[in-house]
Amino acid sequence: MSLSAALQIGRSAINASQAAIQVAGNNMANAATPGYHRQVATLTPSLSERIGPNAFAGTGVMLRDIGRVVDTALQSRVRTAVSREAGSQIDRRFLSSIESLQNELSDNDLSSKLSEFLNAFSELANNPDDDAVRSLVLRQAGGIADHVVGLRQEYDRVRTEIDRSLGAGLQKADGLLDQIAAINGEITQTEGGVGKANGLRDRRDALVDELSKLIDVSTIEQPSGAIDVLVGSLPVVLGGVSRGVELRTQSVNGELTVEVRIKADGSTLDVVDGEIGALMRQRSTTVDPAIDALDTFAHELIYQANRVHSQGQGKAGWPSVTGLERVASNIDPLSSAASDLPFDVRNGSFFLHVTNAANGLRQSAQILVDPSSMSLDGLVAAINTAGLSNVTASTTADGRLKIDATAGYTLTFSDDSSGTLAALGVNALFGGQDATDIALNQALLDNPRLLAAGRGHLPGSNASALAMVALEDLQVEPLGGRSLRGFWQSVVSDHAVRTAAAIDAADSATIVRESLSAQEQSVSGVSLDEESVDLLTYQRQFQAAAKFIATIDEVMQTLLNIR
């Protein structure tokens, strides 16, 4: 081996140690940089050189690679854990929000309002002629109606918040996909199939990590160095091209539904975890069912209360009464879809009474109802041909039943086996169809004497008030055979169980994510102690190489000075 070859060995050692020192220094500089992966300089011996028949001598050292320390399997598990944690936090947030709005077991919850409403009728049953008690009943009836409407509005605000968060989250996710695709292109161009653009790869990993908080994604690295990003089995990034994501909304049966789709071809994405997946889940499995349950409760409260009240009599009769519910078509049968009545009408009858206010004489007529063949116009005709004098029935311009008595006469109702009066809102306590519009009948507020406490036109009767109190335990078929209170308590209990489970799941998801993140940090994170040791090693290598070169230089000078 020549002295010049020996100099090259020293030169290679100096270059390699300088590069390794630079790598260690870069690691130490980025020890606190989020998303940075520790880099390692890999040194390898240069090819040996033959110096004799059976002898080979080394030619120095070479820097084979500067690579990132990444466990791709662990990295994938961490991203899955991040998605689940982000999703579980959303689950906990919105389940807790609904539970807080229900505010059950307080003095201002729906169960308490229902108790106050029924207790007021119990008081009315004890004092059916007391006008002050009538006012109390109307105040409590108005209170429960206002509470239901207010709770429904709060539910709607939660759903609006989810929709707004979905829009913002998908807009952010779409931007991240664009950035990932752009960096894919940079990596492919920079690496060119040789080496690794570590800084660009760290930036891309950080973007994918951020994306995993929003959507549960997986990645596949291509030979070019680019990655494909998939949601489920559908790609949203292919190399340097982002296919984009967006929120699609559409109205189905009057309800607004939302979907996550790929911009490029409109494919629907099944987003399971991450903030966006959890927002979709909470919208469909928590908020929408909560709204439906409240609407169902309000619907049955309106109908059951009106069914009782419409057959009773107050201290005064109606000079004129207009139904609170409209019929979409006057000429189609009451039970048809064209009529669009929110409440069912059955085959049966009701009694209409007209009373002379001057002498108390009363006429009565039974009105037969067959909803499969009788329209609103047919009902009007049946009333007008029932043989009652001083009574005229008609329909309003917006499809409501109106019954007028001649001056000096009043109207009352009883024995409705068909549910027609309750369905049309005649002599009703509540108006509306569900939690969006339930309201106390304004006519009762204007004249509390119309509030029905009795039946059979008996002075001092409390039969209607007692029937209203009986709603406490009445088993309602549309509510699964449960009472109004039982139905609502089951809704609240089921939600409370889900909320408790979501809180536990969120805590568990955080523990799992922290554990996996710690494992990843132990693999890819920078240890200052370890880097300090490496730095000293490479420093000594550099010093040794410099000493080696100085020695060779001294030998060469000695040879040159030989004469």
Foldseek 3Di string as FASTA:
>chain_A
DDLVLLLQQLVQLLVLLVVQLVLLVVQVVCQPPPLAFRKGFDKDWDDWDDDDPPDTHTRHMHGPAIDGQFDQVLLLVLLLLLQALLLLVLLLVVLVVLLVLQVPPDCQHLLNLVVQLLVLLVVCLVVVPDLVSLVSNLVSLQSNLVSLQVSLVSLVVSLVVLVVCLQVLQVVLQVLLLVLLQLLVVQLVVCVLHYGPSVSVSVNSVSVSVNSLAFPWDWDADSSRRIWIDQPNHTQHDRNDGQGKGKDWDADPNDIAIFIAGNNPGHTGQTCTHNNNSSNCCSPPPSVVVSVLQFVLFQVVLLQQFLLQQAFFFLDFAQKWKFQDFFQDQQAQQQDVNRVQLDAFAFAWKKKKKAQQVPGDIDIFIQGDHRNHAGNVNSQVSVVPRPDPQKHWDADPRGIIMIHGHPRMGMGIHDRPGSPCSRRRTSGQWHDRGSNGTRGDVVCVVPVRRGGQAHPPDPSHRVSSVSSSCLQAQQDVVLVRGGSSVSVVVVSVVSVVSSVVSVVSSVVSVVVSVVSVVVRCVRTRRDSVVSVVSSVVSVVSSVVSVVSSVVSVVVVVVVVPDD
